[in-house]
């Protein structure tokens, strides 16, 4: 993947892209810089294409035309079975480009994680920041948007959905029917699961949930917006609400935004006004919360 094949963005790694600056922000009314995020990081869903994930970049640019916007593209398999060290190293270009020194309070950041893959790499970025700047430092962020995530990380109940998600991203590479591809991934996932158990490796999904519930990595000063639907066939709505309830019990401000008749990571396509309205509303709340906490 390169800039030549994906215009409008500058790559800072093989999977991380920064939206190029342009002059079209005149289409959006100017806002005070203190009312806008300075940086927005969008972690795409597993095997999401740059073309599709970039639609969210466009939406954010319309809301916040002065913000620097990064887009992260990742695979489902890499998210589920890459090591924490590998995931952290993959996200280090974000730290070195956007946060080369510890935050001085001037950054205002939105993190958007899409599906469990997005959440896993968002958590890896929290870890990368501490690897670079020290475990007493927290990556600056003021709003966390969770689109179709987090779901359950219980292997036995989730392996069917995980194998389907991986088949959706890879079926085009195989000549046989979709169900065969899914069964293949089901077998692979089981084999890797037992290997992980044998060596005592913590599952990446478990790690990401823990990271975002750890005040030392994810600040409770940043509200959490959960975007989900009962029609999502990969992430159960009950699991999203259960994870939101846990976050609330840990001291995080949570907002639940349910969508009607929208599929997995399909809420923005079906209900754009509701989607972007929820994000804009929660950003305003986050800034009001930030003002109250400042001396």
C-alpha atoms as a PDB file:
ATOM      1  CA  UNK A   1       0.000   0.000   0.000  1.00  0.00           C
ATOM      2  CA  UNK A   2       1.436   3.384  -0.938  1.00  0.00           C
ATOM      3  CA  UNK A   3       0.493   6.988  -1.452  1.00  0.00           C
ATOM      4  CA  UNK A   4       0.299   6.360  -5.223  1.00  0.00           C
ATOM      5  CA  UNK A   5      -2.461   3.797  -4.729  1.00  0.00           C
ATOM      6  CA  UNK A   6      -4.257   5.746  -2.016  1.00  0.00           C
ATOM      7  CA  UNK A   7      -4.302   9.471  -2.793  1.00  0.00           C
ATOM      8  CA  UNK A   8      -5.140  12.063  -0.191  1.00  0.00           C
ATOM      9  CA  UNK A   9      -3.075  10.475   2.572  1.00  0.00           C
ATOM     10  CA  UNK A  10       0.577  10.313   3.539  1.00  0.00           C
ATOM     11  CA  UNK A  11       1.739   6.945   4.896  1.00  0.00           C
ATOM     12  CA  UNK A  12       3.870   6.937   8.035  1.00  0.00           C
ATOM     13  CA  UNK A  13       4.033   3.129   7.995  1.00  0.00           C
ATOM     14  CA  UNK A  14       2.599   0.292   5.938  1.00  0.00           C
ATOM     15  CA  UNK A  15      -0.718   0.595   7.807  1.00  0.00           C
ATOM     16  CA  UNK A  16      -0.905   4.112   9.281  1.00  0.00           C
ATOM     17  CA  UNK A  17      -1.911   7.112   7.165  1.00  0.00           C
ATOM     18  CA  UNK A  18      -2.289  10.820   7.864  1.00  0.00           C
ATOM     19  CA  UNK A  19      -4.865  12.791   5.924  1.00  0.00           C
ATOM     20  CA  UNK A  20      -3.171  15.407   3.767  1.00  0.00           C
ATOM     21  CA  UNK A  21      -3.855  19.042   4.535  1.00  0.00           C
ATOM     22  CA  UNK A  22      -6.011  20.837   1.992  1.00  0.00           C
ATOM     23  CA  UNK A  23      -7.967  24.039   1.565  1.00  0.00           C
ATOM     24  CA  UNK A  24     -11.508  22.645   1.534  1.00  0.00           C
ATOM     25  CA  UNK A  25     -12.106  23.506   5.182  1.00  0.00           C
ATOM     26  CA  UNK A  26     -13.739  26.724   3.987  1.00  0.00           C
ATOM     27  CA  UNK A  27     -16.828  24.577   3.399  1.00  0.00           C
ATOM     28  CA  UNK A  28     -17.176  24.150   7.161  1.00  0.00           C
ATOM     29  CA  UNK A  29     -17.722  27.151   9.453  1.00  0.00           C
ATOM     30  CA  UNK A  30     -14.650  28.053  11.435  1.00  0.00           C
ATOM     31  CA  UNK A  31     -14.644  27.077  15.093  1.00  0.00           C
ATOM     32  CA  UNK A  32     -12.437  28.224  17.923  1.00  0.00           C
ATOM     33  CA  UNK A  33      -9.319  26.032  18.101  1.00  0.00           C
ATOM     34  CA  UNK A  34     -10.077  25.338  21.752  1.00  0.00           C
ATOM     35  CA  UNK A  35     -13.402  23.783  20.731  1.00  0.00           C
ATOM     36  CA  UNK A  36     -11.839  21.375  18.256  1.00  0.00           C
ATOM     37  CA  UNK A  37      -9.745  18.249  18.677  1.00  0.00           C
ATOM     38  CA  UNK A  38      -6.165  18.664  17.562  1.00  0.00           C
ATOM     39  CA  UNK A  39      -5.804  14.991  16.608  1.00  0.00           C
ATOM     40  CA  UNK A  40      -8.233  12.197  15.699  1.00  0.00           C
ATOM     41  CA  UNK A  41      -7.031   8.591  15.404  1.00  0.00           C
ATOM     42  CA  UNK A  42      -9.350   6.131  13.655  1.00  0.00           C
ATOM     43  CA  UNK A  43      -8.584   2.436  14.083  1.00  0.00           C
ATOM     44  CA  UNK A  44     -10.360   0.599  11.273  1.00  0.00           C
ATOM     45  CA  UNK A  45     -12.132  -2.725  11.642  1.00  0.00           C
ATOM     46  CA  UNK A  46     -10.335  -5.969  10.827  1.00  0.00           C
ATOM     47  CA  UNK A  47      -9.516  -6.243   7.110  1.00  0.00           C
ATOM     48  CA  UNK A  48     -11.272  -2.949   6.406  1.00  0.00           C
ATOM     49  CA  UNK A  49     -10.028  -1.331   3.206  1.00  0.00           C
ATOM     50  CA  UNK A  50      -8.487   2.154   3.192  1.00  0.00           C
ATOM     51  CA  UNK A  51     -11.226   3.310   0.809  1.00  0.00           C
ATOM     52  CA  UNK A  52     -13.986   2.348   3.262  1.00  0.00           C
ATOM     53  CA  UNK A  53     -12.266   3.475   6.460  1.00  0.00           C
ATOM     54  CA  UNK A  54     -11.455   6.809   4.779  1.00  0.00           C
ATOM     55  CA  UNK A  55     -15.194   7.587   4.735  1.00  0.00           C
ATOM     56  CA  UNK A  56     -14.947   8.072   8.494  1.00  0.00           C
ATOM     57  CA  UNK A  57     -11.960  10.350   7.991  1.00  0.00           C
ATOM     58  CA  UNK A  58     -14.106  12.460   5.658  1.00  0.00           C
ATOM     59  CA  UNK A  59     -16.903  12.614   8.223  1.00  0.00           C
ATOM     60  CA  UNK A  60     -14.589  13.735  10.978  1.00  0.00           C
ATOM     61  CA  UNK A  61     -13.014  16.333   8.705  1.00  0.00           C
ATOM     62  CA  UNK A  62     -16.420  17.887   8.091  1.00  0.00           C
ATOM     63  CA  UNK A  63     -17.038  18.110  11.834  1.00  0.00           C
ATOM     64  CA  UNK A  64     -13.538  19.213  12.824  1.00  0.00           C
ATOM     65  CA  UNK A  65     -11.781  20.738   9.793  1.00  0.00           C
ATOM     66  CA  UNK A  66      -8.630  21.833  11.639  1.00  0.00           C
ATOM     67  CA  UNK A  67      -7.876  18.455  13.241  1.00  0.00           C
ATOM     68  CA  UNK A  68      -5.032  16.214  12.140  1.00  0.00           C
ATOM     69  CA  UNK A  69      -6.600  12.835  11.289  1.00  0.00           C
ATOM     70  CA  UNK A  70      -4.829   9.486  11.274  1.00  0.00           C
ATOM     71  CA  UNK A  71      -6.206   6.222   9.885  1.00  0.00           C
ATOM     72  CA  UNK A  72      -4.984   2.782  10.976  1.00  0.00           C
ATOM     73  CA  UNK A  73      -5.599  -0.268   8.762  1.00  0.00           C
ATOM     74  CA  UNK A  74      -5.163  -3.759  10.250  1.00  0.00           C
ATOM     75  CA  UNK A  75      -6.004  -7.420   9.731  1.00  0.00           C
ATOM     76  CA  UNK A  76      -8.200  -9.481  12.007  1.00  0.00           C
ATOM     77  CA  UNK A  77      -5.644 -12.289  12.269  1.00  0.00           C
ATOM     78  CA  UNK A  78      -2.825  -9.906  13.184  1.00  0.00           C
ATOM     79  CA  UNK A  79      -4.973  -8.332  15.878  1.00  0.00           C
ATOM     80  CA  UNK A  80      -6.014 -11.639  17.395  1.00  0.00           C
ATOM     81  CA  UNK A  81      -2.711 -13.486  17.241  1.00  0.00           C
ATOM     82  CA  UNK A  82       0.155 -11.024  16.921  1.00  0.00           C
ATOM     83  CA  UNK A  83       2.138 -10.568  20.118  1.00  0.00           C
ATOM     84  CA  UNK A  84       1.732  -7.466  22.283  1.00  0.00           C
ATOM     85  CA  UNK A  85       5.281  -6.503  21.343  1.00  0.00           C
ATOM     86  CA  UNK A  86       4.445  -6.750  17.631  1.00  0.00           C
ATOM     87  CA  UNK A  87       1.238  -4.757  18.002  1.00  0.00           C
ATOM     88  CA  UNK A  88       2.984  -2.110  20.083  1.00  0.00           C
ATOM     89  CA  UNK A  89       5.822  -1.748  17.596  1.00  0.00           C
ATOM     90  CA  UNK A  90       3.315  -1.439  14.740  1.00  0.00           C
ATOM     91  CA  UNK A  91       1.683   1.548  16.488  1.00  0.00           C
ATOM     92  CA  UNK A  92       4.920   3.274  17.467  1.00  0.00           C
ATOM     93  CA  UNK A  93       4.913   5.523  14.345  1.00  0.00           C
ATOM     94  CA  UNK A  94       1.814   7.230  15.797  1.00  0.00           C
ATOM     95  CA  UNK A  95       3.749   8.081  18.939  1.00  0.00           C
ATOM     96  CA  UNK A  96       6.878   9.218  17.138  1.00  0.00           C
ATOM     97  CA  UNK A  97       4.907  11.345  14.653  1.00  0.00           C
ATOM     98  CA  UNK A  98       2.136  12.826  16.806  1.00  0.00           C
ATOM     99  CA  UNK A  99       3.445  12.505  20.369  1.00  0.00           C
ATOM    100  CA  UNK A 100       7.262  12.643  20.111  1.00  0.00           C
ATOM    101  CA  UNK A 101       7.434  14.173  23.597  1.00  0.00           C
ATOM    102  CA  UNK A 102       5.144  13.706  26.617  1.00  0.00           C
ATOM    103  CA  UNK A 103       1.934  15.725  26.369  1.00  0.00           C
ATOM    104  CA  UNK A 104       1.977  19.294  27.670  1.00  0.00           C
ATOM    105  CA  UNK A 105      -1.804  19.623  27.890  1.00  0.00           C
ATOM    106  CA  UNK A 106      -2.240  21.285  24.498  1.00  0.00           C
ATOM    107  CA  UNK A 107      -3.344  18.154  22.638  1.00  0.00           C
ATOM    108  CA  UNK A 108      -7.070  17.367  22.411  1.00  0.00           C
ATOM    109  CA  UNK A 109      -7.517  13.867  21.051  1.00  0.00           C
ATOM    110  CA  UNK A 110     -10.353  11.627  19.886  1.00  0.00           C
ATOM    111  CA  UNK A 111      -9.706   7.887  19.683  1.00  0.00           C
ATOM    112  CA  UNK A 112     -12.140   5.922  17.517  1.00  0.00           C
ATOM    113  CA  UNK A 113     -11.939   2.127  17.678  1.00  0.00           C
ATOM    114  CA  UNK A 114     -13.947   0.134  15.159  1.00  0.00           C
ATOM    115  CA  UNK A 115     -14.773  -3.480  15.971  1.00  0.00           C
ATOM    116  CA  UNK A 116     -12.539  -5.530  18.242  1.00  0.00           C
ATOM    117  CA  UNK A 117      -9.568  -5.235  15.883  1.00  0.00           C
ATOM    118  CA  UNK A 118      -9.683  -1.452  16.192  1.00  0.00           C
ATOM    119  CA  UNK A 119      -9.894  -1.706  19.970  1.00  0.00           C
ATOM    120  CA  UNK A 120      -6.921  -4.064  20.109  1.00  0.00           C
ATOM    121  CA  UNK A 121      -4.684  -1.671  18.168  1.00  0.00           C
ATOM    122  CA  UNK A 122      -5.954   1.342  20.110  1.00  0.00           C
ATOM    123  CA  UNK A 123      -4.870  -0.428  23.294  1.00  0.00           C
ATOM    124  CA  UNK A 124      -1.509  -1.182  21.689  1.00  0.00           C
ATOM    125  CA  UNK A 125      -1.103   2.551  21.068  1.00  0.00           C
ATOM    126  CA  UNK A 126      -1.715   3.287  24.763  1.00  0.00           C
ATOM    127  CA  UNK A 127       1.045   0.800  25.516  1.00  0.00           C
ATOM    128  CA  UNK A 128       3.346   2.243  22.847  1.00  0.00           C
ATOM    129  CA  UNK A 129       3.036   5.696  24.416  1.00  0.00           C
ATOM    130  CA  UNK A 130       4.171   4.335  27.773  1.00  0.00           C
ATOM    131  CA  UNK A 131       6.956   2.332  26.178  1.00  0.00           C
ATOM    132  CA  UNK A 132       8.270   5.532  24.625  1.00  0.00           C
ATOM    133  CA  UNK A 133       7.638   8.026  27.451  1.00  0.00           C
ATOM    134  CA  UNK A 134       7.362   6.016  30.667  1.00  0.00           C
ATOM    135  CA  UNK A 135       4.719   4.006  32.495  1.00  0.00           C
ATOM    136  CA  UNK A 136       3.727   7.059  34.531  1.00  0.00           C
ATOM    137  CA  UNK A 137       2.568   8.838  31.361  1.00  0.00           C
ATOM    138  CA  UNK A 138      -0.844   8.467  29.688  1.00  0.00           C
ATOM    139  CA  UNK A 139      -1.498   9.062  26.004  1.00  0.00           C
ATOM    140  CA  UNK A 140      -3.545  12.287  25.776  1.00  0.00           C
ATOM    141  CA  UNK A 141      -7.154  11.590  24.849  1.00  0.00           C
ATOM    142  CA  UNK A 142     -10.440  13.316  25.603  1.00  0.00           C
ATOM    143  CA  UNK A 143     -13.062  11.081  23.966  1.00  0.00           C
ATOM    144  CA  UNK A 144     -13.096   7.366  23.128  1.00  0.00           C
ATOM    145  CA  UNK A 145     -15.595   6.311  20.454  1.00  0.00           C
ATOM    146  CA  UNK A 146     -16.250   2.560  20.288  1.00  0.00           C
ATOM    147  CA  UNK A 147     -18.027   1.535  17.093  1.00  0.00           C
ATOM    148  CA  UNK A 148     -19.299  -2.076  17.234  1.00  0.00           C
ATOM    149  CA  UNK A 149     -16.948  -2.914  20.105  1.00  0.00           C
ATOM    150  CA  UNK A 150     -16.009  -4.212  22.632  1.00  0.00           C
ATOM    151  CA  UNK A 151     -17.520  -7.656  22.466  1.00  0.00           C
ATOM    152  CA  UNK A 152     -17.072 -10.777  24.531  1.00  0.00           C
ATOM    153  CA  UNK A 153     -13.614 -12.369  24.661  1.00  0.00           C
ATOM    154  CA  UNK A 154     -14.818 -15.816  25.805  1.00  0.00           C
ATOM    155  CA  UNK A 155     -13.312 -18.065  23.139  1.00  0.00           C
ATOM    156  CA  UNK A 156     -15.900 -20.863  23.133  1.00  0.00           C
ATOM    157  CA  UNK A 157     -18.803 -18.469  22.584  1.00  0.00           C
ATOM    158  CA  UNK A 158     -16.998 -16.188  20.140  1.00  0.00           C
ATOM    159  CA  UNK A 159     -14.983 -18.501  17.859  1.00  0.00           C
ATOM    160  CA  UNK A 160     -17.898 -18.801  15.428  1.00  0.00           C
ATOM    161  CA  UNK A 161     -18.167 -15.041  14.990  1.00  0.00           C
ATOM    162  CA  UNK A 162     -14.389 -14.576  14.836  1.00  0.00           C
ATOM    163  CA  UNK A 163     -14.073 -17.244  12.139  1.00  0.00           C
ATOM    164  CA  UNK A 164     -16.861 -15.565  10.184  1.00  0.00           C
ATOM    165  CA  UNK A 165     -15.164 -12.172  10.470  1.00  0.00           C
ATOM    166  CA  UNK A 166     -11.903 -13.628   9.184  1.00  0.00           C
ATOM    167  CA  UNK A 167     -13.700 -15.414   6.364  1.00  0.00           C
ATOM    168  CA  UNK A 168     -15.362 -12.150   5.331  1.00  0.00           C
ATOM    169  CA  UNK A 169     -11.948 -10.561   4.951  1.00  0.00           C
ATOM    170  CA  UNK A 170     -10.312 -13.435   3.095  1.00  0.00           C
ATOM    171  CA  UNK A 171     -13.020 -15.308   1.134  1.00  0.00           C
ATOM    172  CA  UNK A 172     -12.091 -13.529  -2.111  1.00  0.00           C
ATOM    173  CA  UNK A 173      -8.701 -15.257  -2.070  1.00  0.00           C
ATOM    174  CA  UNK A 174     -10.158 -18.783  -2.102  1.00  0.00           C
ATOM    175  CA  UNK A 175     -12.084 -20.550  -4.906  1.00  0.00           C
ATOM    176  CA  UNK A 176     -14.368 -22.619  -2.659  1.00  0.00           C
ATOM    177  CA  UNK A 177     -17.672 -21.623  -0.963  1.00  0.00           C
ATOM    178  CA  UNK A 178     -17.680 -19.131   1.917  1.00  0.00           C
ATOM    179  CA  UNK A 179     -18.643 -21.788   4.488  1.00  0.00           C
ATOM    180  CA  UNK A 180     -15.477 -23.749   3.669  1.00  0.00           C
ATOM    181  CA  UNK A 181     -13.339 -20.676   4.307  1.00  0.00           C
ATOM    182  CA  UNK A 182     -15.096 -20.065   7.613  1.00  0.00           C
ATOM    183  CA  UNK A 183     -14.582 -23.686   8.684  1.00  0.00           C
ATOM    184  CA  UNK A 184     -10.909 -23.394   7.772  1.00  0.00           C
ATOM    185  CA  UNK A 185     -10.504 -20.318   9.970  1.00  0.00           C
ATOM    186  CA  UNK A 186     -12.492 -22.014  12.734  1.00  0.00           C
ATOM    187  CA  UNK A 187      -9.925 -24.832  12.771  1.00  0.00           C
ATOM    188  CA  UNK A 188      -7.007 -22.372  12.679  1.00  0.00           C
ATOM    189  CA  UNK A 189      -8.458 -20.339  15.561  1.00  0.00           C
ATOM    190  CA  UNK A 190      -8.909 -23.450  17.689  1.00  0.00           C
ATOM    191  CA  UNK A 191      -5.350 -24.598  16.994  1.00  0.00           C
ATOM    192  CA  UNK A 192      -3.880 -21.199  17.909  1.00  0.00           C
ATOM    193  CA  UNK A 193      -6.142 -20.952  20.975  1.00  0.00           C
ATOM    194  CA  UNK A 194      -4.805 -24.196  22.414  1.00  0.00           C
ATOM    195  CA  UNK A 195      -1.254 -23.153  21.625  1.00  0.00           C
ATOM    196  CA  UNK A 196      -1.763 -19.870  23.473  1.00  0.00           C
ATOM    197  CA  UNK A 197      -3.156 -21.694  26.466  1.00  0.00           C
ATOM    198  CA  UNK A 198      -0.178 -24.020  26.467  1.00  0.00           C
ATOM    199  CA  UNK A 199       2.346 -21.166  26.557  1.00  0.00           C
ATOM    200  CA  UNK A 200       0.278 -18.944  28.881  1.00  0.00           C
ATOM    201  CA  UNK A 201      -0.183 -16.061  26.429  1.00  0.00           C
ATOM    202  CA  UNK A 202      -2.879 -13.487  27.237  1.00  0.00           C
ATOM    203  CA  UNK A 203      -5.381 -13.018  24.435  1.00  0.00           C
ATOM    204  CA  UNK A 204      -5.147  -9.649  22.705  1.00  0.00           C
ATOM    205  CA  UNK A 205      -8.841  -8.940  23.266  1.00  0.00           C
ATOM    206  CA  UNK A 206      -8.480  -9.516  26.991  1.00  0.00           C
ATOM    207  CA  UNK A 207      -5.452  -7.229  27.088  1.00  0.00           C
ATOM    208  CA  UNK A 208      -7.243  -4.424  25.220  1.00  0.00           C
ATOM    209  CA  UNK A 209     -10.245  -4.495  27.557  1.00  0.00           C
ATOM    210  CA  UNK A 210      -7.965  -4.414  30.599  1.00  0.00           C
ATOM    211  CA  UNK A 211      -5.934  -1.537  29.146  1.00  0.00           C
ATOM    212  CA  UNK A 212      -9.009   0.629  28.611  1.00  0.00           C
ATOM    213  CA  UNK A 213     -10.158  -0.053  32.191  1.00  0.00           C
ATOM    214  CA  UNK A 214      -6.784   0.880  33.667  1.00  0.00           C
ATOM    215  CA  UNK A 215      -6.687   4.493  34.856  1.00  0.00           C
ATOM    216  CA  UNK A 216      -2.923   4.400  34.465  1.00  0.00           C
ATOM    217  CA  UNK A 217      -3.303   3.854  30.712  1.00  0.00           C
ATOM    218  CA  UNK A 218      -6.738   5.263  29.814  1.00  0.00           C
ATOM    219  CA  UNK A 219      -7.808   8.371  31.670  1.00  0.00           C
ATOM    220  CA  UNK A 220     -11.277   8.426  33.289  1.00  0.00           C
ATOM    221  CA  UNK A 221     -11.459  12.083  32.261  1.00  0.00           C
ATOM    222  CA  UNK A 222     -12.266  10.954  28.698  1.00  0.00           C
ATOM    223  CA  UNK A 223     -15.925   9.973  28.168  1.00  0.00           C
ATOM    224  CA  UNK A 224     -16.739   6.726  26.350  1.00  0.00           C
ATOM    225  CA  UNK A 225     -19.266   6.668  23.498  1.00  0.00           C
ATOM    226  CA  UNK A 226     -20.512   3.198  22.524  1.00  0.00           C
ATOM    227  CA  UNK A 227     -22.144   2.879  19.071  1.00  0.00           C
ATOM    228  CA  UNK A 228     -23.926  -0.427  18.534  1.00  0.00           C
ATOM    229  CA  UNK A 229     -26.957  -2.237  17.162  1.00  0.00           C
ATOM    230  CA  UNK A 230     -29.099  -5.270  17.927  1.00  0.00           C
ATOM    231  CA  UNK A 231     -28.684  -6.283  14.271  1.00  0.00           C
ATOM    232  CA  UNK A 232     -24.896  -6.642  14.555  1.00  0.00           C
ATOM    233  CA  UNK A 233     -24.175 -10.321  13.900  1.00  0.00           C
ATOM    234  CA  UNK A 234     -20.510 -10.168  14.949  1.00  0.00           C
ATOM    235  CA  UNK A 235     -20.651  -8.205  18.219  1.00  0.00           C
ATOM    236  CA  UNK A 236     -23.670  -8.856  20.410  1.00  0.00           C
ATOM    237  CA  UNK A 237     -25.371  -5.737  21.748  1.00  0.00           C
ATOM    238  CA  UNK A 238     -25.623  -7.327  25.190  1.00  0.00           C
ATOM    239  CA  UNK A 239     -21.837  -7.648  25.297  1.00  0.00           C
ATOM    240  CA  UNK A 240     -21.344  -3.982  24.401  1.00  0.00           C
ATOM    241  CA  UNK A 241     -23.733  -2.895  27.146  1.00  0.00           C
ATOM    242  CA  UNK A 242     -22.058  -5.238  29.623  1.00  0.00           C
ATOM    243  CA  UNK A 243     -18.621  -3.789  28.825  1.00  0.00           C
ATOM    244  CA  UNK A 244     -19.996  -0.255  29.109  1.00  0.00           C
ATOM    245  CA  UNK A 245     -21.430  -1.087  32.527  1.00  0.00           C
ATOM    246  CA  UNK A 246     -18.045  -2.378  33.683  1.00  0.00           C
ATOM    247  CA  UNK A 247     -16.367   0.812  32.446  1.00  0.00           C
ATOM    248  CA  UNK A 248     -18.930   2.899  34.307  1.00  0.00           C
ATOM    249  CA  UNK A 249     -18.280   0.920  37.495  1.00  0.00           C
ATOM    250  CA  UNK A 250     -14.567   1.722  37.079  1.00  0.00           C
ATOM    251  CA  UNK A 251     -15.242   5.468  37.043  1.00  0.00           C
ATOM    252  CA  UNK A 252     -15.578   6.175  33.322  1.00  0.00           C
ATOM    253  CA  UNK A 253     -18.384   8.333  31.958  1.00  0.00           C
ATOM    254  CA  UNK A 254     -20.271   6.209  29.414  1.00  0.00           C
ATOM    255  CA  UNK A 255     -22.795   7.058  26.698  1.00  0.00           C
ATOM    256  CA  UNK A 256     -24.753   4.356  24.871  1.00  0.00           C
ATOM    257  CA  UNK A 257     -25.937   5.120  21.335  1.00  0.00           C
ATOM    258  CA  UNK A 258     -28.036   2.322  19.825  1.00  0.00           C
ATOM    259  CA  UNK A 259     -28.867   2.227  16.111  1.00  0.00           C
ATOM    260  CA  UNK A 260     -31.792   0.530  14.416  1.00  0.00           C
ATOM    261  CA  UNK A 261     -31.343  -2.015  11.625  1.00  0.00           C
ATOM    262  CA  UNK A 262     -27.637  -1.380  11.062  1.00  0.00           C
ATOM    263  CA  UNK A 263     -25.040  -4.149  10.617  1.00  0.00           C
ATOM    264  CA  UNK A 264     -21.570  -4.484  12.092  1.00  0.00           C
ATOM    265  CA  UNK A 265     -19.622  -1.207  11.591  1.00  0.00           C
ATOM    266  CA  UNK A 266     -22.532  -0.089   9.421  1.00  0.00           C
ATOM    267  CA  UNK A 267     -24.155   2.456  11.725  1.00  0.00           C
ATOM    268  CA  UNK A 268     -22.678   5.506  10.021  1.00  0.00           C
ATOM    269  CA  UNK A 269     -23.799   4.316   6.577  1.00  0.00           C
ATOM    270  CA  UNK A 270     -27.394   3.717   7.695  1.00  0.00           C
ATOM    271  CA  UNK A 271     -27.784   6.642  10.087  1.00  0.00           C
ATOM    272  CA  UNK A 272     -25.196   9.351   9.329  1.00  0.00           C
ATOM    273  CA  UNK A 273     -27.036  12.177  11.089  1.00  0.00           C
ATOM    274  CA  UNK A 274     -27.472  10.177  14.283  1.00  0.00           C
ATOM    275  CA  UNK A 275     -23.887   8.934  14.099  1.00  0.00           C
ATOM    276  CA  UNK A 276     -22.099  12.231  13.648  1.00  0.00           C
ATOM    277  CA  UNK A 277     -24.573  14.013  15.909  1.00  0.00           C
ATOM    278  CA  UNK A 278     -23.700  11.651  18.771  1.00  0.00           C
ATOM    279  CA  UNK A 279     -19.971  12.223  18.266  1.00  0.00           C
ATOM    280  CA  UNK A 280     -20.342  16.003  18.115  1.00  0.00           C
ATOM    281  CA  UNK A 281     -22.547  16.013  21.215  1.00  0.00           C
ATOM    282  CA  UNK A 282     -20.136  13.843  23.191  1.00  0.00           C
ATOM    283  CA  UNK A 283     -17.177  15.969  22.108  1.00  0.00           C
ATOM    284  CA  UNK A 284     -18.891  19.065  23.458  1.00  0.00           C
ATOM    285  CA  UNK A 285     -19.572  17.224  26.712  1.00  0.00           C
ATOM    286  CA  UNK A 286     -15.941  16.126  26.857  1.00  0.00           C
ATOM    287  CA  UNK A 287     -14.726  19.690  26.457  1.00  0.00           C
ATOM    288  CA  UNK A 288     -17.145  20.898  29.144  1.00  0.00           C
ATOM    289  CA  UNK A 289     -15.828  18.150  31.425  1.00  0.00           C
ATOM    290  CA  UNK A 290     -12.247  19.146  30.646  1.00  0.00           C
ATOM    291  CA  UNK A 291     -12.901  22.790  31.546  1.00  0.00           C
ATOM    292  CA  UNK A 292     -14.351  21.770  34.901  1.00  0.00           C
ATOM    293  CA  UNK A 293     -11.322  19.684  35.809  1.00  0.00           C
ATOM    294  CA  UNK A 294      -8.755  22.349  34.945  1.00  0.00           C
ATOM    295  CA  UNK A 295      -7.544  24.500  37.852  1.00  0.00           C
END
